[in-house]
């Protein structure tokens, strides 16, 4: 399986916002100081300025968007200078899964009880909103939990750090170095923030499924790999993103920075909701059909077949800016996104105080399969 992008394709992916007259630094600074946000509402359209109330109205209406206020200039510079990551400029070959004898023993150690304990800690925060102090505290908690795993298993080579933004909440990046440090990086991501659309800053938003499940899937996959003594040939990173619910702010900042720095990314996989499927429906891993790399999706299908007790199924189009994988896609990196259920059979309780593990349809056994796929994704691509 191969991944290849031509220069025009990469530039189109990098610049989903196509401006005839780029917005200047002074306008961005002036409007941002007024509390306005620059939003990209659809592919190929110029971004528009919106007030905070207008942004919330869009969120409540279910309208997805990129908030490009803080990455606009960097993305324009990336396009202007034709900066291409090595991964986007060269072909990437995805293997046929072949390390079952090494991976399956690790999968047997992946624990739902660990995920339950971690999710209980996350949902104990009133919310994990990106502007709230509890959102900032949740970031620190995730950083400390991941760092504790590195310490427990004696991995001084592993780093876990906060990635600061202009708002109070930070993203988190954990890095497992490769024996070939210059090799292409395999990245697994999830967003750690939550939102109550009725009252974003102070409203109760446990975010158990959105995206508490993806967050603890990655924590447990990270723990299991370190416990196994995993020392990959090429680097592996685990990311937990801030402010996904407000327009993919955290993942955009990191993806644009990686693009600008020329980081070589082999593959990116997002886990955003993995704990629910509608009662009475078939249990599947639903693969998103748009803003993804087709060859990486083919690899993911084979990975699920090799390592999961449940089958994959193709979902309908996820839509513009629907989750953090879109931030990587628009910067020219190969991305994929396995989801808890086909659209319509997914969790209807998100963005409310009712997003808890007690809803009918929530299943830890279901979520466990996504944590296992995260382990296999990292091992098969980087070992």
Protein backbone atom coordinates (compact mmCIF):
# COMPACT_ATOMS: atom_id res chain seq x y z
CA UNK A 1 0.00 0.00 0.00
CA UNK A 2 1.34 3.42 -0.85
CA UNK A 3 0.63 7.03 -0.03
CA UNK A 4 1.65 9.68 -2.50
CA UNK A 5 0.75 13.33 -2.95
CA UNK A 6 1.66 15.60 -5.81
CA UNK A 7 2.59 19.23 -5.12
CA UNK A 8 -0.78 20.63 -6.29
CA UNK A 9 -2.65 18.12 -4.15
CA UNK A 10 -0.61 18.97 -1.07
CA UNK A 11 -1.08 22.69 -1.54
CA UNK A 12 -4.81 22.18 -1.93
CA UNK A 13 -4.87 20.14 1.25
CA UNK A 14 -2.75 22.65 3.14
CA UNK A 15 -4.80 25.62 2.02
CA UNK A 16 -8.42 24.62 2.48
CA UNK A 17 -8.96 28.34 2.94
CA UNK A 18 -8.34 29.94 -0.46
CA UNK A 19 -7.99 33.69 -0.07
CA UNK A 20 -7.77 36.03 -3.03
CA UNK A 21 -6.46 38.76 -0.67
CA UNK A 22 -4.77 37.34 2.41
CA UNK A 23 -5.70 38.97 5.71
CA UNK A 24 -2.93 41.05 7.24
CA UNK A 25 -1.31 40.74 10.65
CA UNK A 26 -2.70 44.06 11.85
CA UNK A 27 -6.28 43.10 11.02
CA UNK A 28 -5.89 39.77 12.79
CA UNK A 29 -4.41 41.39 15.90
CA UNK A 30 -7.01 44.16 15.97
CA UNK A 31 -10.01 41.89 15.57
CA UNK A 32 -8.69 39.24 17.92
CA UNK A 33 -8.22 41.95 20.56
CA UNK A 34 -11.93 42.73 20.16
CA UNK A 35 -12.79 39.09 20.84
CA UNK A 36 -13.59 38.27 17.22
CA UNK A 37 -12.65 34.90 15.76
CA UNK A 38 -11.64 34.11 12.18
CA UNK A 39 -13.54 31.05 11.00
CA UNK A 40 -13.21 28.86 7.92
CA UNK A 41 -16.71 27.54 7.36
CA UNK A 42 -16.22 25.48 4.23
CA UNK A 43 -13.52 24.31 1.90
CA UNK A 44 -12.39 26.85 -0.67
CA UNK A 45 -14.23 29.81 0.91
CA UNK A 46 -12.64 32.88 2.44
CA UNK A 47 -12.65 32.87 6.25
CA UNK A 48 -15.02 35.23 8.03
CA UNK A 49 -14.94 37.12 11.32
CA UNK A 50 -17.48 36.09 13.96
CA UNK A 51 -18.28 37.29 17.46
CA UNK A 52 -18.08 34.84 20.35
CA UNK A 53 -21.88 34.64 20.47
CA UNK A 54 -21.98 33.91 16.74
CA UNK A 55 -19.40 31.16 17.24
CA UNK A 56 -21.56 29.59 19.94
CA UNK A 57 -24.61 29.85 17.68
CA UNK A 58 -22.74 27.89 15.01
CA UNK A 59 -21.74 25.23 17.54
CA UNK A 60 -25.29 24.91 18.81
CA UNK A 61 -26.52 24.56 15.24
CA UNK A 62 -24.07 21.70 14.68
CA UNK A 63 -22.02 23.69 12.17
CA UNK A 64 -18.40 22.54 12.05
CA UNK A 65 -15.56 24.92 11.29
CA UNK A 66 -11.87 25.61 11.65
CA UNK A 67 -11.11 28.54 13.94
CA UNK A 68 -8.02 29.75 12.05
CA UNK A 69 -7.42 32.94 14.04
CA UNK A 70 -4.14 31.71 15.48
CA UNK A 71 -2.86 29.60 12.59
CA UNK A 72 -3.91 31.70 9.61
CA UNK A 73 -0.59 33.49 9.14
CA UNK A 74 1.48 30.35 9.63
CA UNK A 75 -0.63 28.41 7.14
CA UNK A 76 -0.36 31.24 4.62
CA UNK A 77 3.41 31.27 5.06
CA UNK A 78 3.55 27.50 4.61
CA UNK A 79 1.70 27.83 1.30
CA UNK A 80 3.61 30.92 0.17
CA UNK A 81 6.97 29.26 0.69
CA UNK A 82 5.67 25.90 -0.58
CA UNK A 83 6.83 24.18 2.57
CA UNK A 84 6.11 20.48 2.24
CA UNK A 85 6.69 17.91 4.94
CA UNK A 86 8.87 15.01 3.90
CA UNK A 87 5.91 12.73 4.45
CA UNK A 88 3.79 14.71 2.01
CA UNK A 89 6.51 15.08 -0.59
CA UNK A 90 7.53 11.43 -0.69
CA UNK A 91 5.73 8.12 -0.94
CA UNK A 92 4.91 6.22 2.26
CA UNK A 93 4.39 2.48 2.19
CA UNK A 94 1.97 1.01 4.71
CA UNK A 95 2.68 -2.59 5.68
CA UNK A 96 0.37 -5.55 5.83
CA UNK A 97 -0.09 -6.28 9.55
CA UNK A 98 2.45 -8.99 10.37
CA UNK A 99 3.49 -8.65 14.01
CA UNK A 100 0.64 -10.53 15.66
CA UNK A 101 2.95 -12.73 17.74
CA UNK A 102 4.44 -9.59 19.32
CA UNK A 103 1.35 -7.40 19.48
CA UNK A 104 -1.27 -9.81 20.84
CA UNK A 105 0.52 -10.40 24.17
CA UNK A 106 0.48 -6.62 24.70
CA UNK A 107 -3.21 -6.45 23.82
CA UNK A 108 -3.95 -8.96 26.57
CA UNK A 109 -2.68 -6.40 29.10
CA UNK A 110 -4.93 -3.55 27.93
CA UNK A 111 -7.28 -2.92 30.83
CA UNK A 112 -10.82 -1.59 30.95
CA UNK A 113 -10.43 -1.04 34.70
CA UNK A 114 -7.52 1.33 34.07
CA UNK A 115 -9.60 3.22 31.52
CA UNK A 116 -12.56 3.37 33.91
CA UNK A 117 -10.40 4.76 36.70
CA UNK A 118 -8.88 7.38 34.43
CA UNK A 119 -12.23 8.39 32.98
CA UNK A 120 -13.67 8.78 36.48
CA UNK A 121 -10.89 11.28 37.20
CA UNK A 122 -11.54 13.19 33.97
CA UNK A 123 -15.31 13.38 34.37
CA UNK A 124 -14.87 14.61 37.94
CA UNK A 125 -13.85 17.97 36.52
CA UNK A 126 -16.95 20.14 36.18
CA UNK A 127 -16.02 20.52 32.53
CA UNK A 128 -12.89 20.51 30.39
CA UNK A 129 -13.76 23.65 28.44
CA UNK A 130 -10.75 25.35 26.92
CA UNK A 131 -11.40 28.71 28.61
CA UNK A 132 -12.18 27.27 32.06
CA UNK A 133 -9.71 26.71 34.89
CA UNK A 134 -10.99 23.14 35.12
CA UNK A 135 -10.05 22.67 31.46
CA UNK A 136 -6.52 23.76 32.28
CA UNK A 137 -6.41 21.49 35.32
CA UNK A 138 -7.57 18.54 33.22
CA UNK A 139 -4.65 19.08 30.84
CA UNK A 140 -2.21 19.02 33.74
CA UNK A 141 -3.85 15.87 35.08
CA UNK A 142 -3.40 14.07 31.74
CA UNK A 143 0.22 15.24 31.51
CA UNK A 144 0.93 13.98 35.01
CA UNK A 145 -0.80 10.64 34.43
CA UNK A 146 1.13 9.96 31.21
CA UNK A 147 4.39 11.04 32.88
CA UNK A 148 3.69 8.68 35.78
CA UNK A 149 3.58 5.77 33.33
CA UNK A 150 6.97 6.72 31.92
CA UNK A 151 8.35 6.91 35.45
CA UNK A 152 6.75 3.65 36.59
CA UNK A 153 8.30 1.71 33.74
CA UNK A 154 11.70 3.37 33.98
CA UNK A 155 11.50 5.17 30.64
CA UNK A 156 13.64 8.26 31.10
CA UNK A 157 13.86 8.45 27.31
CA UNK A 158 10.12 9.16 27.06
CA UNK A 159 9.01 12.78 27.35
CA UNK A 160 5.59 14.14 28.27
CA UNK A 161 4.96 17.88 28.07
CA UNK A 162 2.27 20.52 27.87
CA UNK A 163 1.89 22.39 24.59
CA UNK A 164 0.82 25.92 25.45
CA UNK A 165 -1.75 27.97 23.55
CA UNK A 166 -3.04 31.54 23.90
CA UNK A 167 -5.91 30.25 26.08
CA UNK A 168 -5.59 28.62 29.50
CA UNK A 169 -5.92 25.00 28.39
CA UNK A 170 -2.86 23.20 27.02
CA UNK A 171 -2.52 20.28 24.68
CA UNK A 172 -0.30 17.38 25.74
CA UNK A 173 2.39 15.60 23.71
CA UNK A 174 4.05 12.34 24.80
CA UNK A 175 7.01 11.16 22.74
CA UNK A 176 8.50 7.67 22.55
CA UNK A 177 11.79 8.06 20.65
CA UNK A 178 12.78 5.69 17.88
CA UNK A 179 16.11 3.96 17.54
CA UNK A 180 16.14 5.82 14.22
CA UNK A 181 15.29 9.30 15.57
CA UNK A 182 15.08 10.81 12.09
CA UNK A 183 12.48 8.29 10.96
CA UNK A 184 8.91 9.25 10.12
CA UNK A 185 6.71 9.86 13.17
CA UNK A 186 3.57 7.85 13.90
CA UNK A 187 1.02 9.98 15.77
CA UNK A 188 -2.12 9.01 17.68
CA UNK A 189 -4.44 11.82 18.79
CA UNK A 190 -7.58 12.52 20.79
CA UNK A 191 -9.12 15.73 22.10
CA UNK A 192 -9.29 16.11 25.85
CA UNK A 193 -11.68 19.07 26.12
CA UNK A 194 -15.42 18.96 26.66
CA UNK A 195 -18.26 21.44 26.29
CA UNK A 196 -21.79 22.05 27.49
CA UNK A 197 -23.34 24.03 24.67
CA UNK A 198 -25.95 25.59 26.95
CA UNK A 199 -23.32 27.09 29.25
CA UNK A 200 -19.79 26.49 27.92
CA UNK A 201 -17.64 28.10 30.62
CA UNK A 202 -19.43 26.97 33.76
CA UNK A 203 -21.93 24.31 32.65
CA UNK A 204 -21.48 20.68 33.64
CA UNK A 205 -19.78 18.79 30.78
CA UNK A 206 -18.45 15.39 31.91
CA UNK A 207 -17.58 14.52 28.32
CA UNK A 208 -17.38 10.83 29.16
CA UNK A 209 -17.65 9.71 25.55
CA UNK A 210 -16.79 12.99 23.80
CA UNK A 211 -13.90 12.62 24.09
CA UNK A 212 -13.16 11.02 27.42
CA UNK A 213 -13.15 7.60 25.81
CA UNK A 214 -10.59 8.52 23.17
CA UNK A 215 -8.49 10.24 25.81
CA UNK A 216 -8.33 7.18 28.07
CA UNK A 217 -7.93 4.83 25.09
CA UNK A 218 -4.69 6.62 24.30
CA UNK A 219 -3.55 6.75 27.93
CA UNK A 220 -4.04 3.00 28.23
CA UNK A 221 -2.37 2.25 24.89
CA UNK A 222 0.57 4.42 25.96
CA UNK A 223 0.78 2.60 29.31
CA UNK A 224 0.56 -0.87 27.76
CA UNK A 225 3.28 -0.13 25.21
CA UNK A 226 5.65 1.21 27.86
CA UNK A 227 4.90 -1.72 30.17
CA UNK A 228 5.86 -4.09 27.36
CA UNK A 229 9.26 -2.43 26.92
CA UNK A 230 8.26 -1.06 23.50
CA UNK A 231 11.24 0.62 21.84
CA UNK A 232 10.19 1.47 18.29
CA UNK A 233 12.44 1.87 15.31
CA UNK A 234 10.80 5.17 14.40
CA UNK A 235 9.29 7.72 16.80
CA UNK A 236 5.77 7.42 18.16
CA UNK A 237 3.80 10.32 19.64
CA UNK A 238 0.58 10.47 21.62
CA UNK A 239 -1.30 13.78 21.48
CA UNK A 240 -4.22 15.04 23.57
CA UNK A 241 -5.63 18.23 22.04
CA UNK A 242 -7.09 21.30 23.67
CA UNK A 243 -10.10 23.20 22.30
CA UNK A 244 -11.28 20.77 19.65
CA UNK A 245 -14.85 21.70 20.49
CA UNK A 246 -14.15 25.36 19.67
CA UNK A 247 -12.88 24.83 16.12
CA UNK A 248 -9.96 22.37 16.34
CA UNK A 249 -7.66 24.99 17.88
CA UNK A 250 -5.17 22.67 19.56
CA UNK A 251 -4.66 20.21 16.73
CA UNK A 252 -4.44 22.97 14.13
CA UNK A 253 -1.68 24.72 16.05
CA UNK A 254 0.38 21.56 16.36
CA UNK A 255 -0.21 20.28 12.83
CA UNK A 256 0.65 23.67 11.29
CA UNK A 257 3.78 23.86 13.43
CA UNK A 258 4.85 20.37 12.36
CA UNK A 259 4.27 21.37 8.74
CA UNK A 260 6.32 24.54 9.14
CA UNK A 261 9.14 22.64 10.84
CA UNK A 262 9.17 19.94 8.17
CA UNK A 263 8.38 17.12 10.58
CA UNK A 264 8.21 13.78 8.77
CA UNK A 265 4.86 12.21 9.69
CA UNK A 266 4.20 8.63 8.61
CA UNK A 267 0.58 8.47 9.75
CA UNK A 268 -1.94 10.13 12.04
CA UNK A 269 -4.93 8.41 13.67
CA UNK A 270 -7.66 10.17 15.66
CA UNK A 271 -9.76 8.58 18.38
CA UNK A 272 -12.78 10.78 19.05
CA UNK A 273 -15.56 8.83 20.82
CA UNK A 274 -15.31 5.06 21.15
CA UNK A 275 -17.69 4.05 23.93
CA UNK A 276 -21.20 3.94 22.47
CA UNK A 277 -23.26 2.22 19.83
CA UNK A 278 -27.03 2.42 19.58
CA UNK A 279 -28.74 -0.50 21.34
CA UNK A 280 -29.97 -3.06 18.85
CA UNK A 281 -27.50 -2.08 16.12
CA UNK A 282 -24.46 -3.97 14.87
CA UNK A 283 -21.24 -3.26 16.73
CA UNK A 284 -18.58 -1.95 14.32
CA UNK A 285 -15.63 0.39 14.01
CA UNK A 286 -16.85 3.02 11.57
CA UNK A 287 -14.14 4.41 9.31
CA UNK A 288 -14.59 7.99 8.19
CA UNK A 289 -14.72 8.43 4.43
CA UNK A 290 -13.50 12.00 3.92
CA UNK A 291 -10.52 14.12 4.95
CA UNK A 292 -8.53 10.92 5.28
CA UNK A 293 -5.83 9.13 3.29
CA UNK A 294 -7.31 6.18 1.38
CA UNK A 295 -4.19 4.03 1.65
CA UNK A 296 -3.95 4.58 5.40
CA UNK A 297 -7.63 3.64 5.64
CA UNK A 298 -6.85 0.43 3.77
CA UNK A 299 -4.10 -0.32 6.30
CA UNK A 300 -6.54 0.42 9.14
CA UNK A 301 -9.08 -2.00 7.72
CA UNK A 302 -6.44 -4.74 7.71
CA UNK A 303 -5.37 -3.79 11.23
CA UNK A 304 -8.93 -4.05 12.57
CA UNK A 305 -9.41 -7.40 10.85
CA UNK A 306 -6.18 -8.72 12.39
CA UNK A 307 -6.59 -7.39 15.93
CA UNK A 308 -10.21 -6.63 16.78
CA UNK A 309 -13.14 -8.87 17.63
CA UNK A 310 -15.48 -6.42 15.87
CA UNK A 311 -15.49 -5.61 12.15
CA UNK A 312 -14.91 -2.33 10.39
CA UNK A 313 -17.59 -0.57 8.35
CA UNK A 314 -17.38 2.52 6.19
CA UNK A 315 -19.26 5.52 7.50
CA UNK A 316 -20.71 8.29 5.38
CA UNK A 317 -18.76 11.52 5.01
CA UNK A 318 -17.72 12.96 8.33
CA UNK A 319 -17.94 16.51 6.97
CA UNK A 320 -15.82 19.61 7.05
CA UNK A 321 -13.68 20.09 10.19
CA UNK A 322 -15.49 17.32 12.05
CA UNK A 323 -12.55 16.30 14.26
CA UNK A 324 -8.81 16.69 14.75
CA UNK A 325 -7.82 14.41 11.88
CA UNK A 326 -8.95 17.23 9.57
CA UNK A 327 -6.24 19.50 10.98
CA UNK A 328 -3.59 17.02 9.90
CA UNK A 329 -5.23 16.36 6.56
CA UNK A 330 -5.37 20.02 5.60
CA UNK A 331 -1.65 20.31 6.36
CA UNK A 332 -0.88 17.51 3.93
CA UNK A 333 -0.39 14.61 6.37
CA UNK A 334 -1.97 11.14 5.96
CA UNK A 335 -4.78 10.71 8.48
CA UNK A 336 -7.47 8.23 9.48
CA UNK A 337 -10.34 8.22 11.97
CA UNK A 338 -12.08 5.10 13.32
CA UNK A 339 -15.33 6.07 15.07
CA UNK A 340 -17.60 4.36 17.60
CA UNK A 341 -20.51 3.73 15.22
CA UNK A 342 -21.84 4.67 11.83
CA UNK A 343 -23.41 8.10 11.92
CA UNK A 344 -26.91 7.87 13.35
CA UNK A 345 -25.96 5.01 15.66
CA UNK A 346 -23.50 7.16 17.62
CA UNK A 347 -23.95 8.88 20.97
CA UNK A 348 -26.79 11.45 21.02
CA UNK A 349 -25.83 12.79 24.46
CA UNK A 350 -22.67 14.70 23.56
CA UNK A 351 -22.15 18.38 24.50
CA UNK A 352 -24.56 18.06 27.43
CA UNK A 353 -24.44 17.13 31.10
CA UNK A 354 -25.82 13.73 30.10
CA UNK A 355 -22.61 12.55 28.38
CA UNK A 356 -21.86 9.93 31.03
CA UNK A 357 -21.06 6.22 31.12
CA UNK A 358 -24.50 5.46 32.56
CA UNK A 359 -26.41 6.04 29.30
CA UNK A 360 -27.94 3.01 27.66
CA UNK A 361 -25.61 2.03 24.84
CA UNK A 362 -22.31 2.85 26.52
CA UNK A 363 -19.98 -0.16 26.48
CA UNK A 364 -16.50 -0.51 27.96
CA UNK A 365 -16.04 -3.72 25.99
CA UNK A 366 -16.63 -1.70 22.82
CA UNK A 367 -14.19 1.04 23.83
CA UNK A 368 -11.57 -1.56 24.71
CA UNK A 369 -11.31 -2.52 21.04
CA UNK A 370 -10.23 1.01 20.11
CA UNK A 371 -7.48 1.01 22.74
CA UNK A 372 -6.24 -2.27 21.29
CA UNK A 373 -6.22 -0.85 17.77
CA UNK A 374 -4.21 2.11 19.06
CA UNK A 375 -1.55 -0.28 20.39
CA UNK A 376 -1.49 -2.23 17.13
CA UNK A 377 -1.35 0.96 15.03
CA UNK A 378 1.74 2.18 16.88
CA UNK A 379 3.46 -1.20 16.89
CA UNK A 380 2.85 -2.21 13.30
CA UNK A 381 3.88 1.18 11.88
CA UNK A 382 6.85 1.97 14.12
CA UNK A 383 8.40 -1.21 15.56
